[in-house]
Amino acid sequence: MPSITSANVANAIVKLVAADALPALMSNLVMGNLVNRDYEPTLANAGDTVNIPIPPVLVANNIAEGGTVQTQNPNLGNAQIVLNTHAEATFQIPDVTKVLAVPDLLRLYMQPAVVALAERIESDLLALAPQFTANSVLGAGGAAITEAVIDSAETALFAAKVPASSSKYLVVDGNTYSQMRQIQRFSEFRTAGEAGLRALIDGGLGKFKDFYVFRSQLVSKTGSGPFTTNNLAFCKDAIGLVVRRLPQPLPGTGAIAEYAEFGNFGIRVVMSYQPNTLSQQFTVDVLYGAAILRNAHGVLVRS
């Protein structure tokens, strides 16, 4: 059995903080849980570029009897995502042993840091909405969203050959979500059955015109009085979010780091001692980049 040392205790503290941070972060993400994150979380530095291969398009040829195959030379597509955001949230704990004795205190310290990181990631992902230009913009700024607009968004993704097996998402702000709940045909039991009853009583839209509908407080807005809300209809492969591991601190510098990773999403927790304040300092940080992978697989829906 290994002996208990100050180094072991310090490492245990960082692991405890890291284990508590990641689940809280994931629960505060909307867009971060919907976009494509299928990229290995290897070590990287800020400013690095990650190349994402995109499958080529092939055509089927009818080979006549006695004929020969037609060789195709497809070009593998490529999307580049720059790791240009190193987001961090730092806080200090005067008496870390007290926090370890009362886990609820640790969550009290961790929650604001985790929410700050989640909001930064969400804002960056939702800020990509106006960059979807392959499909026509639907809806109008300052106008209530309508059933026809949502229907057109789904039709646009179908015409863009989004696979039928791919889930489609519609992320809107609170006002737009409220407008959708008031579309009478979808919020009454007599016209929409059980789904209408849930929308009326529980307030959740669930699935609407083949879209899984989510609301976010961080949907981007432009203009002034009235604002133009940039809602987004998309499928998973429309946007890529690449997260990379940050390096460990240099040995002997007095800082200890631990990683917390789940589903190709990871954060680093660094603990160090601050002699000026006689406190333990914790930094929760993440290195990531986000970009559009398939422009035709997203539709800007204004309201």
C-alpha atoms as a PDB file:
ATOM      1  CA  MET A   1       0.000   0.000   0.000  1.00  0.00           C
ATOM      2  CA  PRO A   2       1.552   3.349  -1.038  1.00  0.00           C
ATOM      3  CA  SER A   3       2.260   5.825   1.739  1.00  0.00           C
ATOM      4  CA  ILE A   4       0.266   9.048   2.003  1.00  0.00           C
ATOM      5  CA  THR A   5       2.384  12.010   0.969  1.00  0.00           C
ATOM      6  CA  SER A   6       1.712  15.658   0.200  1.00  0.00           C
ATOM      7  CA  ALA A   7       2.256  14.896  -3.503  1.00  0.00           C
ATOM      8  CA  ASN A   8      -0.356  12.119  -3.431  1.00  0.00           C
ATOM      9  CA  VAL A   9      -2.845  14.371  -1.674  1.00  0.00           C
ATOM     10  CA  ALA A  10      -2.242  17.184  -4.175  1.00  0.00           C
ATOM     11  CA  ASN A  11      -2.798  14.849  -7.114  1.00  0.00           C
ATOM     12  CA  ALA A  12      -5.960  13.495  -5.494  1.00  0.00           C
ATOM     13  CA  ILE A  13      -7.330  17.021  -5.085  1.00  0.00           C
ATOM     14  CA  VAL A  14      -6.803  17.851  -8.748  1.00  0.00           C
ATOM     15  CA  LYS A  15      -8.394  14.571  -9.845  1.00  0.00           C
ATOM     16  CA  LEU A  16     -11.398  15.271  -7.649  1.00  0.00           C
ATOM     17  CA  VAL A  17     -11.852  18.744  -9.120  1.00  0.00           C
ATOM     18  CA  ALA A  18     -11.447  17.441 -12.697  1.00  0.00           C
ATOM     19  CA  ALA A  19     -13.953  14.639 -12.145  1.00  0.00           C
ATOM     20  CA  ASP A  20     -16.498  17.135 -10.842  1.00  0.00           C
ATOM     21  CA  ALA A  21     -15.909  19.681 -13.614  1.00  0.00           C
ATOM     22  CA  LEU A  22     -16.548  17.755 -16.834  1.00  0.00           C
ATOM     23  CA  PRO A  23     -20.068  16.400 -16.113  1.00  0.00           C
ATOM     24  CA  ALA A  24     -21.135  19.909 -15.108  1.00  0.00           C
ATOM     25  CA  LEU A  25     -19.680  21.318 -18.324  1.00  0.00           C
ATOM     26  CA  MET A  26     -21.412  18.758 -20.548  1.00  0.00           C
ATOM     27  CA  SER A  27     -24.771  19.415 -18.896  1.00  0.00           C
ATOM     28  CA  ASN A  28     -24.468  23.140 -19.726  1.00  0.00           C
ATOM     29  CA  LEU A  29     -23.763  22.576 -23.430  1.00  0.00           C
ATOM     30  CA  VAL A  30     -26.439  22.601 -26.135  1.00  0.00           C
ATOM     31  CA  MET A  31     -24.605  23.071 -29.431  1.00  0.00           C
ATOM     32  CA  GLY A  32     -21.489  21.369 -28.075  1.00  0.00           C
ATOM     33  CA  ASN A  33     -23.477  18.146 -27.687  1.00  0.00           C
ATOM     34  CA  LEU A  34     -25.014  18.318 -31.178  1.00  0.00           C
ATOM     35  CA  VAL A  35     -22.105  19.086 -33.513  1.00  0.00           C
ATOM     36  CA  ASN A  36     -19.456  16.669 -34.782  1.00  0.00           C
ATOM     37  CA  ARG A  37     -16.773  16.045 -32.156  1.00  0.00           C
ATOM     38  CA  ASP A  38     -15.419  12.779 -33.591  1.00  0.00           C
ATOM     39  CA  TYR A  39     -11.787  13.803 -33.505  1.00  0.00           C
ATOM     40  CA  GLU A  40      -9.100  12.303 -31.299  1.00  0.00           C
ATOM     41  CA  PRO A  41      -8.126  14.560 -28.346  1.00  0.00           C
ATOM     42  CA  THR A  42      -4.357  14.500 -28.866  1.00  0.00           C
ATOM     43  CA  LEU A  43      -1.861  17.019 -27.484  1.00  0.00           C
ATOM     44  CA  ALA A  44      -1.724  20.340 -29.329  1.00  0.00           C
ATOM     45  CA  ASN A  45      -0.935  24.006 -28.912  1.00  0.00           C
ATOM     46  CA  ALA A  46      -2.912  27.164 -29.602  1.00  0.00           C
ATOM     47  CA  GLY A  47      -2.755  28.128 -33.280  1.00  0.00           C
ATOM     48  CA  ASP A  48      -2.373  24.578 -34.604  1.00  0.00           C
ATOM     49  CA  THR A  49      -4.463  23.585 -37.634  1.00  0.00           C
ATOM     50  CA  VAL A  50      -6.416  20.337 -37.763  1.00  0.00           C
ATOM     51  CA  ASN A  51      -7.300  18.886 -41.176  1.00  0.00           C
ATOM     52  CA  ILE A  52     -10.685  17.156 -41.291  1.00  0.00           C
ATOM     53  CA  PRO A  53     -11.185  14.826 -44.297  1.00  0.00           C
ATOM     54  CA  ILE A  54     -14.551  15.032 -46.061  1.00  0.00           C
ATOM     55  CA  PRO A  55     -15.757  11.990 -48.078  1.00  0.00           C
ATOM     56  CA  PRO A  56     -15.802  12.485 -51.876  1.00  0.00           C
ATOM     57  CA  VAL A  57     -18.854  12.185 -54.108  1.00  0.00           C
ATOM     58  CA  LEU A  58     -18.998   9.136 -56.418  1.00  0.00           C
ATOM     59  CA  VAL A  59     -21.481   8.288 -59.153  1.00  0.00           C
ATOM     60  CA  ALA A  60     -22.930   4.915 -60.102  1.00  0.00           C
ATOM     61  CA  ASN A  61     -22.436   3.810 -63.716  1.00  0.00           C
ATOM     62  CA  ASN A  62     -24.459   1.234 -65.612  1.00  0.00           C
ATOM     63  CA  ILE A  63     -22.037  -1.350 -66.929  1.00  0.00           C
ATOM     64  CA  ALA A  64     -23.275  -3.074 -70.079  1.00  0.00           C
ATOM     65  CA  GLU A  65     -22.711  -6.760 -70.707  1.00  0.00           C
ATOM     66  CA  GLY A  66     -19.132  -7.228 -71.794  1.00  0.00           C
ATOM     67  CA  GLY A  67     -18.313  -3.645 -70.864  1.00  0.00           C
ATOM     68  CA  THR A  68     -15.691  -2.314 -68.493  1.00  0.00           C
ATOM     69  CA  VAL A  69     -15.887  -0.342 -65.285  1.00  0.00           C
ATOM     70  CA  GLN A  70     -15.402   3.405 -65.348  1.00  0.00           C
ATOM     71  CA  THR A  71     -12.633   4.375 -62.979  1.00  0.00           C
ATOM     72  CA  GLN A  72     -13.310   7.499 -60.969  1.00  0.00           C
ATOM     73  CA  ASN A  73     -10.679   9.754 -59.452  1.00  0.00           C
ATOM     74  CA  PRO A  74     -12.462  11.398 -56.558  1.00  0.00           C
ATOM     75  CA  ASN A  75     -10.845  14.188 -54.610  1.00  0.00           C
ATOM     76  CA  LEU A  76     -11.000  13.820 -50.867  1.00  0.00           C
ATOM     77  CA  GLY A  77     -12.450  17.011 -49.419  1.00  0.00           C
ATOM     78  CA  ASN A  78     -10.727  18.823 -46.596  1.00  0.00           C
ATOM     79  CA  ALA A  79     -11.905  21.232 -43.946  1.00  0.00           C
ATOM     80  CA  GLN A  80      -9.414  23.056 -41.765  1.00  0.00           C
ATOM     81  CA  ILE A  81     -10.158  23.932 -38.179  1.00  0.00           C
ATOM     82  CA  VAL A  82      -7.738  26.245 -36.396  1.00  0.00           C
ATOM     83  CA  LEU A  83      -7.320  25.766 -32.660  1.00  0.00           C
ATOM     84  CA  ASN A  84      -7.662  29.484 -32.065  1.00  0.00           C
ATOM     85  CA  THR A  85      -9.464  29.567 -28.718  1.00  0.00           C
ATOM     86  CA  HIS A  86      -7.812  28.814 -25.404  1.00  0.00           C
ATOM     87  CA  ALA A  87     -10.603  29.466 -22.922  1.00  0.00           C
ATOM     88  CA  GLU A  88      -9.937  29.460 -19.191  1.00  0.00           C
ATOM     89  CA  ALA A  89     -11.667  30.189 -15.929  1.00  0.00           C
ATOM     90  CA  THR A  90      -9.576  30.621 -12.783  1.00  0.00           C
ATOM     91  CA  PHE A  91     -10.549  30.795  -9.138  1.00  0.00           C
ATOM     92  CA  GLN A  92      -8.828  30.554  -5.759  1.00  0.00           C
ATOM     93  CA  ILE A  93      -9.743  28.544  -2.681  1.00  0.00           C
ATOM     94  CA  PRO A  94      -8.282  29.770   0.651  1.00  0.00           C
ATOM     95  CA  ASP A  95      -8.776  26.489   2.546  1.00  0.00           C
ATOM     96  CA  VAL A  96      -8.802  23.575   0.130  1.00  0.00           C
ATOM     97  CA  THR A  97      -9.024  20.964   2.911  1.00  0.00           C
ATOM     98  CA  LYS A  98     -12.373  22.385   4.017  1.00  0.00           C
ATOM     99  CA  VAL A  99     -13.659  22.076   0.459  1.00  0.00           C
ATOM    100  CA  LEU A 100     -12.599  18.425   0.324  1.00  0.00           C
ATOM    101  CA  ALA A 101     -14.485  17.755   3.548  1.00  0.00           C
ATOM    102  CA  VAL A 102     -17.665  19.354   2.176  1.00  0.00           C
ATOM    103  CA  PRO A 103     -18.163  18.361  -1.520  1.00  0.00           C
ATOM    104  CA  ASP A 104     -21.030  20.814  -1.964  1.00  0.00           C
ATOM    105  CA  LEU A 105     -18.554  23.656  -1.385  1.00  0.00           C
ATOM    106  CA  LEU A 106     -16.401  22.329  -4.239  1.00  0.00           C
ATOM    107  CA  ARG A 107     -19.387  22.401  -6.585  1.00  0.00           C
ATOM    108  CA  LEU A 108     -20.109  25.947  -5.438  1.00  0.00           C
ATOM    109  CA  TYR A 109     -16.627  26.998  -6.551  1.00  0.00           C
ATOM    110  CA  MET A 110     -16.620  24.926  -9.740  1.00  0.00           C
ATOM    111  CA  GLN A 111     -20.022  25.818 -11.173  1.00  0.00           C
ATOM    112  CA  PRO A 112     -19.286  29.448 -12.188  1.00  0.00           C
ATOM    113  CA  ALA A 113     -16.014  28.412 -13.877  1.00  0.00           C
ATOM    114  CA  VAL A 114     -17.678  25.576 -15.770  1.00  0.00           C
ATOM    115  CA  VAL A 115     -20.638  27.702 -16.865  1.00  0.00           C
ATOM    116  CA  ALA A 116     -18.248  30.383 -18.136  1.00  0.00           C
ATOM    117  CA  LEU A 117     -16.438  27.840 -20.347  1.00  0.00           C
ATOM    118  CA  ALA A 118     -19.689  26.345 -21.599  1.00  0.00           C
ATOM    119  CA  GLU A 119     -21.067  29.759 -22.547  1.00  0.00           C
ATOM    120  CA  ARG A 120     -17.885  30.631 -24.432  1.00  0.00           C
ATOM    121  CA  ILE A 121     -18.031  27.407 -26.479  1.00  0.00           C
ATOM    122  CA  GLU A 122     -21.760  27.798 -27.157  1.00  0.00           C
ATOM    123  CA  SER A 123     -21.344  31.406 -28.284  1.00  0.00           C
ATOM    124  CA  ASP A 124     -18.558  30.499 -30.703  1.00  0.00           C
ATOM    125  CA  LEU A 125     -20.572  27.658 -32.237  1.00  0.00           C
ATOM    126  CA  LEU A 126     -23.755  29.709 -32.594  1.00  0.00           C
ATOM    127  CA  ALA A 127     -21.775  32.607 -34.088  1.00  0.00           C
ATOM    128  CA  LEU A 128     -21.179  30.369 -37.141  1.00  0.00           C
ATOM    129  CA  ALA A 129     -24.886  30.535 -38.103  1.00  0.00           C
ATOM    130  CA  PRO A 130     -24.609  33.565 -40.473  1.00  0.00           C
ATOM    131  CA  GLN A 131     -21.784  31.797 -42.338  1.00  0.00           C
ATOM    132  CA  PHE A 132     -24.154  29.165 -43.743  1.00  0.00           C
ATOM    133  CA  THR A 133     -24.633  30.599 -47.228  1.00  0.00           C
ATOM    134  CA  ALA A 134     -25.153  27.527 -49.426  1.00  0.00           C
ATOM    135  CA  ASN A 135     -28.901  27.580 -48.700  1.00  0.00           C
ATOM    136  CA  SER A 136     -31.157  30.617 -48.886  1.00  0.00           C
ATOM    137  CA  VAL A 137     -31.764  32.461 -45.639  1.00  0.00           C
ATOM    138  CA  LEU A 138     -35.247  31.778 -44.303  1.00  0.00           C
ATOM    139  CA  GLY A 139     -37.482  33.957 -42.164  1.00  0.00           C
ATOM    140  CA  ALA A 140     -37.123  37.679 -41.494  1.00  0.00           C
ATOM    141  CA  GLY A 141     -35.460  39.629 -38.720  1.00  0.00           C
ATOM    142  CA  GLY A 142     -37.892  40.846 -36.076  1.00  0.00           C
ATOM    143  CA  ALA A 143     -40.748  38.701 -37.432  1.00  0.00           C
ATOM    144  CA  ALA A 144     -42.318  35.745 -35.658  1.00  0.00           C
ATOM    145  CA  ILE A 145     -41.276  32.350 -36.961  1.00  0.00           C
ATOM    146  CA  THR A 146     -43.947  30.401 -38.833  1.00  0.00           C
ATOM    147  CA  GLU A 147     -44.694  26.791 -39.624  1.00  0.00           C
ATOM    148  CA  ALA A 148     -43.954  27.492 -43.293  1.00  0.00           C
ATOM    149  CA  VAL A 149     -40.435  28.754 -42.477  1.00  0.00           C
ATOM    150  CA  ILE A 150     -39.620  25.653 -40.433  1.00  0.00           C
ATOM    151  CA  ASP A 151     -41.039  23.437 -43.163  1.00  0.00           C
ATOM    152  CA  SER A 152     -38.852  25.184 -45.758  1.00  0.00           C
ATOM    153  CA  ALA A 153     -35.758  24.697 -43.597  1.00  0.00           C
ATOM    154  CA  GLU A 154     -36.349  20.947 -43.431  1.00  0.00           C
ATOM    155  CA  THR A 155     -36.993  20.827 -47.173  1.00  0.00           C
ATOM    156  CA  ALA A 156     -33.732  22.697 -47.828  1.00  0.00           C
ATOM    157  CA  LEU A 157     -31.754  20.119 -45.864  1.00  0.00           C
ATOM    158  CA  PHE A 158     -33.510  17.298 -47.718  1.00  0.00           C
ATOM    159  CA  ALA A 159     -32.645  18.924 -51.049  1.00  0.00           C
ATOM    160  CA  ALA A 160     -29.022  19.216 -49.874  1.00  0.00           C
ATOM    161  CA  LYS A 161     -28.997  15.401 -49.557  1.00  0.00           C
ATOM    162  CA  VAL A 162     -28.647  15.256 -45.819  1.00  0.00           C
ATOM    163  CA  PRO A 163     -28.870  11.487 -45.122  1.00  0.00           C
ATOM    164  CA  ALA A 164     -32.245  10.368 -43.866  1.00  0.00           C
ATOM    165  CA  SER A 165     -30.493   8.603 -40.984  1.00  0.00           C
ATOM    166  CA  SER A 166     -28.951  11.882 -39.761  1.00  0.00           C
ATOM    167  CA  SER A 167     -30.812  13.704 -37.020  1.00  0.00           C
ATOM    168  CA  LYS A 168     -31.766  17.283 -37.809  1.00  0.00           C
ATOM    169  CA  TYR A 169     -31.604  20.008 -35.160  1.00  0.00           C
ATOM    170  CA  LEU A 170     -33.123  23.460 -34.812  1.00  0.00           C
ATOM    171  CA  VAL A 171     -31.530  25.697 -32.173  1.00  0.00           C
ATOM    172  CA  VAL A 172     -33.460  28.888 -31.442  1.00  0.00           C
ATOM    173  CA  ASP A 173     -33.576  31.634 -28.827  1.00  0.00           C
ATOM    174  CA  GLY A 174     -36.183  31.851 -26.085  1.00  0.00           C
ATOM    175  CA  ASN A 175     -38.579  34.163 -27.951  1.00  0.00           C
ATOM    176  CA  THR A 176     -38.565  31.999 -31.084  1.00  0.00           C
ATOM    177  CA  TYR A 177     -39.127  28.893 -28.980  1.00  0.00           C
ATOM    178  CA  SER A 178     -42.117  30.607 -27.390  1.00  0.00           C
ATOM    179  CA  GLN A 179     -43.484  31.533 -30.816  1.00  0.00           C
ATOM    180  CA  MET A 180     -43.213  27.914 -31.930  1.00  0.00           C
ATOM    181  CA  ARG A 181     -45.105  26.742 -28.849  1.00  0.00           C
ATOM    182  CA  GLN A 182     -47.947  29.061 -29.828  1.00  0.00           C
ATOM    183  CA  ILE A 183     -48.426  27.639 -33.320  1.00  0.00           C
ATOM    184  CA  GLN A 184     -51.872  26.321 -32.547  1.00  0.00           C
ATOM    185  CA  ARG A 185     -51.806  23.250 -34.732  1.00  0.00           C
ATOM    186  CA  PHE A 186     -48.839  21.853 -32.804  1.00  0.00           C
ATOM    187  CA  SER A 187     -49.774  22.839 -29.277  1.00  0.00           C
ATOM    188  CA  GLU A 188     -53.240  21.284 -28.996  1.00  0.00           C
ATOM    189  CA  PHE A 189     -54.134  17.674 -28.203  1.00  0.00           C
ATOM    190  CA  ARG A 190     -56.943  17.654 -30.752  1.00  0.00           C
ATOM    191  CA  THR A 191     -54.558  18.436 -33.629  1.00  0.00           C
ATOM    192  CA  ALA A 192     -51.173  17.080 -32.516  1.00  0.00           C
ATOM    193  CA  GLY A 193     -52.145  14.342 -30.079  1.00  0.00           C
ATOM    194  CA  GLU A 194     -49.741  13.459 -27.263  1.00  0.00           C
ATOM    195  CA  ALA A 195     -46.990  15.743 -28.652  1.00  0.00           C
ATOM    196  CA  GLY A 196     -49.340  18.724 -28.552  1.00  0.00           C
ATOM    197  CA  LEU A 197     -50.303  17.907 -24.969  1.00  0.00           C
ATOM    198  CA  ARG A 198     -46.629  17.824 -23.926  1.00  0.00           C
ATOM    199  CA  ALA A 199     -45.987  21.159 -25.620  1.00  0.00           C
ATOM    200  CA  LEU A 200     -49.020  22.680 -23.902  1.00  0.00           C
ATOM    201  CA  ILE A 201     -48.427  21.340 -20.386  1.00  0.00           C
ATOM    202  CA  ASP A 202     -44.703  20.548 -20.114  1.00  0.00           C
ATOM    203  CA  GLY A 203     -43.536  23.362 -22.393  1.00  0.00           C
ATOM    204  CA  GLY A 204     -41.155  21.117 -24.359  1.00  0.00           C
ATOM    205  CA  LEU A 205     -41.462  20.972 -28.136  1.00  0.00           C
ATOM    206  CA  GLY A 206     -39.483  17.798 -28.634  1.00  0.00           C
ATOM    207  CA  LYS A 207     -39.599  17.032 -32.356  1.00  0.00           C
ATOM    208  CA  PHE A 208     -41.123  19.508 -34.781  1.00  0.00           C
ATOM    209  CA  LYS A 209     -41.191  19.042 -38.580  1.00  0.00           C
ATOM    210  CA  ASP A 210     -38.464  16.374 -38.254  1.00  0.00           C
ATOM    211  CA  PHE A 211     -36.281  18.755 -36.207  1.00  0.00           C
ATOM    212  CA  TYR A 212     -35.226  18.131 -32.646  1.00  0.00           C
ATOM    213  CA  VAL A 213     -35.791  21.610 -31.222  1.00  0.00           C
ATOM    214  CA  PHE A 214     -33.519  23.165 -28.599  1.00  0.00           C
ATOM    215  CA  ARG A 215     -33.396  26.647 -27.158  1.00  0.00           C
ATOM    216  CA  SER A 216     -30.316  28.549 -26.109  1.00  0.00           C
ATOM    217  CA  GLN A 217     -29.810  31.891 -24.398  1.00  0.00           C
ATOM    218  CA  LEU A 218     -26.697  32.421 -26.531  1.00  0.00           C
ATOM    219  CA  VAL A 219     -28.200  32.440 -30.040  1.00  0.00           C
ATOM    220  CA  SER A 220     -26.512  35.362 -31.812  1.00  0.00           C
ATOM    221  CA  LYS A 221     -28.424  38.564 -32.523  1.00  0.00           C
ATOM    222  CA  THR A 222     -27.584  41.418 -34.873  1.00  0.00           C
ATOM    223  CA  GLY A 223     -28.942  44.928 -35.427  1.00  0.00           C
ATOM    224  CA  SER A 224     -30.900  46.982 -32.948  1.00  0.00           C
ATOM    225  CA  GLY A 225     -34.596  47.537 -32.253  1.00  0.00           C
ATOM    226  CA  PRO A 226     -35.843  45.026 -33.372  1.00  0.00           C
ATOM    227  CA  PHE A 227     -32.978  42.562 -33.313  1.00  0.00           C
ATOM    228  CA  THR A 228     -32.418  39.926 -35.980  1.00  0.00           C
ATOM    229  CA  THR A 229     -32.121  36.522 -34.311  1.00  0.00           C
ATOM    230  CA  ASN A 230     -29.863  34.030 -36.096  1.00  0.00           C
ATOM    231  CA  ASN A 231     -31.416  30.656 -35.362  1.00  0.00           C
ATOM    232  CA  LEU A 232     -29.830  27.602 -36.965  1.00  0.00           C
ATOM    233  CA  ALA A 233     -31.212  24.448 -38.592  1.00  0.00           C
ATOM    234  CA  PHE A 234     -28.512  21.859 -39.220  1.00  0.00           C
ATOM    235  CA  CYS A 235     -27.340  18.269 -38.967  1.00  0.00           C
ATOM    236  CA  LYS A 236     -24.381  16.970 -36.977  1.00  0.00           C
ATOM    237  CA  ASP A 237     -21.815  17.045 -39.800  1.00  0.00           C
ATOM    238  CA  ALA A 238     -22.509  20.690 -40.647  1.00  0.00           C
ATOM    239  CA  ILE A 239     -20.174  21.923 -37.883  1.00  0.00           C
ATOM    240  CA  GLY A 240     -17.003  20.487 -36.416  1.00  0.00           C
ATOM    241  CA  LEU A 241     -15.744  21.142 -32.912  1.00  0.00           C
ATOM    242  CA  VAL A 242     -12.166  19.996 -32.327  1.00  0.00           C
ATOM    243  CA  VAL A 243     -10.827  19.839 -28.782  1.00  0.00           C
ATOM    244  CA  ARG A 244      -7.180  19.114 -28.117  1.00  0.00           C
ATOM    245  CA  ARG A 245      -5.268  18.280 -24.955  1.00  0.00           C
ATOM    246  CA  LEU A 246      -3.122  21.044 -23.554  1.00  0.00           C
ATOM    247  CA  PRO A 247       0.380  20.047 -22.422  1.00  0.00           C
ATOM    248  CA  GLN A 248       1.256  19.307 -18.800  1.00  0.00           C
ATOM    249  CA  PRO A 249       2.973  22.122 -16.857  1.00  0.00           C
ATOM    250  CA  LEU A 250       6.750  21.927 -16.660  1.00  0.00           C
ATOM    251  CA  PRO A 251       7.955  19.683 -13.804  1.00  0.00           C
ATOM    252  CA  GLY A 252       9.113  21.526 -10.727  1.00  0.00           C
ATOM    253  CA  THR A 253       7.070  24.660 -11.393  1.00  0.00           C
ATOM    254  CA  GLY A 254       4.678  23.942  -8.525  1.00  0.00           C
ATOM    255  CA  ALA A 255       1.662  23.269 -10.740  1.00  0.00           C
ATOM    256  CA  ILE A 256      -0.219  19.973 -11.015  1.00  0.00           C
ATOM    257  CA  ALA A 257      -2.563  19.193 -13.911  1.00  0.00           C
ATOM    258  CA  GLU A 258      -5.214  16.555 -14.525  1.00  0.00           C
ATOM    259  CA  TYR A 259      -7.352  15.867 -17.595  1.00  0.00           C
ATOM    260  CA  ALA A 260     -11.064  15.137 -17.656  1.00  0.00           C
ATOM    261  CA  GLU A 261     -12.335  13.698 -20.936  1.00  0.00           C
ATOM    262  CA  PHE A 262     -15.625  12.343 -22.176  1.00  0.00           C
ATOM    263  CA  GLY A 263     -16.853  11.715 -25.718  1.00  0.00           C
ATOM    264  CA  ASN A 264     -13.943  13.514 -27.442  1.00  0.00           C
ATOM    265  CA  PHE A 265     -14.446  16.502 -25.210  1.00  0.00           C
ATOM    266  CA  GLY A 266     -11.832  17.277 -22.624  1.00  0.00           C
ATOM    267  CA  ILE A 267     -10.665  19.939 -20.224  1.00  0.00           C
ATOM    268  CA  ARG A 268      -7.526  20.454 -18.156  1.00  0.00           C
ATOM    269  CA  VAL A 269      -7.548  21.369 -14.478  1.00  0.00           C
ATOM    270  CA  VAL A 270      -4.380  22.978 -13.114  1.00  0.00           C
ATOM    271  CA  MET A 271      -3.750  23.551  -9.414  1.00  0.00           C
ATOM    272  CA  SER A 272      -0.994  25.839  -8.164  1.00  0.00           C
ATOM    273  CA  TYR A 273      -0.155  27.671  -4.958  1.00  0.00           C
ATOM    274  CA  GLN A 274      -0.349  31.465  -4.816  1.00  0.00           C
ATOM    275  CA  PRO A 275       1.928  32.760  -2.019  1.00  0.00           C
ATOM    276  CA  ASN A 276       0.605  36.333  -2.282  1.00  0.00           C
ATOM    277  CA  THR A 277      -2.874  35.241  -1.225  1.00  0.00           C
ATOM    278  CA  LEU A 278      -1.934  32.012   0.607  1.00  0.00           C
ATOM    279  CA  SER A 279      -4.493  30.205  -1.525  1.00  0.00           C
ATOM    280  CA  GLN A 280      -4.689  27.291  -3.903  1.00  0.00           C
ATOM    281  CA  GLN A 281      -5.430  28.486  -7.426  1.00  0.00           C
ATOM    282  CA  PHE A 282      -7.420  26.340  -9.839  1.00  0.00           C
ATOM    283  CA  THR A 283      -7.547  26.965 -13.582  1.00  0.00           C
ATOM    284  CA  VAL A 284     -10.028  25.075 -15.733  1.00  0.00           C
ATOM    285  CA  ASP A 285      -9.134  25.489 -19.407  1.00  0.00           C
ATOM    286  CA  VAL A 286      -9.803  24.042 -22.831  1.00  0.00           C
ATOM    287  CA  LEU A 287      -8.198  24.448 -26.264  1.00  0.00           C
ATOM    288  CA  TYR A 288     -10.607  24.192 -29.177  1.00  0.00           C
ATOM    289  CA  GLY A 289     -11.562  25.349 -32.640  1.00  0.00           C
ATOM    290  CA  ALA A 290     -14.892  25.347 -34.462  1.00  0.00           C
ATOM    291  CA  ALA A 291     -15.710  25.661 -38.156  1.00  0.00           C
ATOM    292  CA  ILE A 292     -18.268  24.767 -40.785  1.00  0.00           C
ATOM    293  CA  LEU A 293     -17.631  21.371 -42.373  1.00  0.00           C
ATOM    294  CA  ARG A 294     -20.544  21.121 -44.832  1.00  0.00           C
ATOM    295  CA  ASN A 295     -22.074  24.451 -45.724  1.00  0.00           C
ATOM    296  CA  ALA A 296     -25.068  22.891 -47.488  1.00  0.00           C
ATOM    297  CA  HIS A 297     -26.057  21.005 -44.326  1.00  0.00           C
ATOM    298  CA  GLY A 298     -27.060  24.120 -42.405  1.00  0.00           C
ATOM    299  CA  VAL A 299     -29.746  26.785 -42.848  1.00  0.00           C
ATOM    300  CA  LEU A 300     -29.839  30.220 -41.253  1.00  0.00           C
ATOM    301  CA  VAL A 301     -33.357  30.808 -39.919  1.00  0.00           C
ATOM    302  CA  ARG A 302     -34.024  34.401 -38.916  1.00  0.00           C
ATOM    303  CA  SER A 303     -36.717  35.688 -36.596  1.00  0.00           C
END
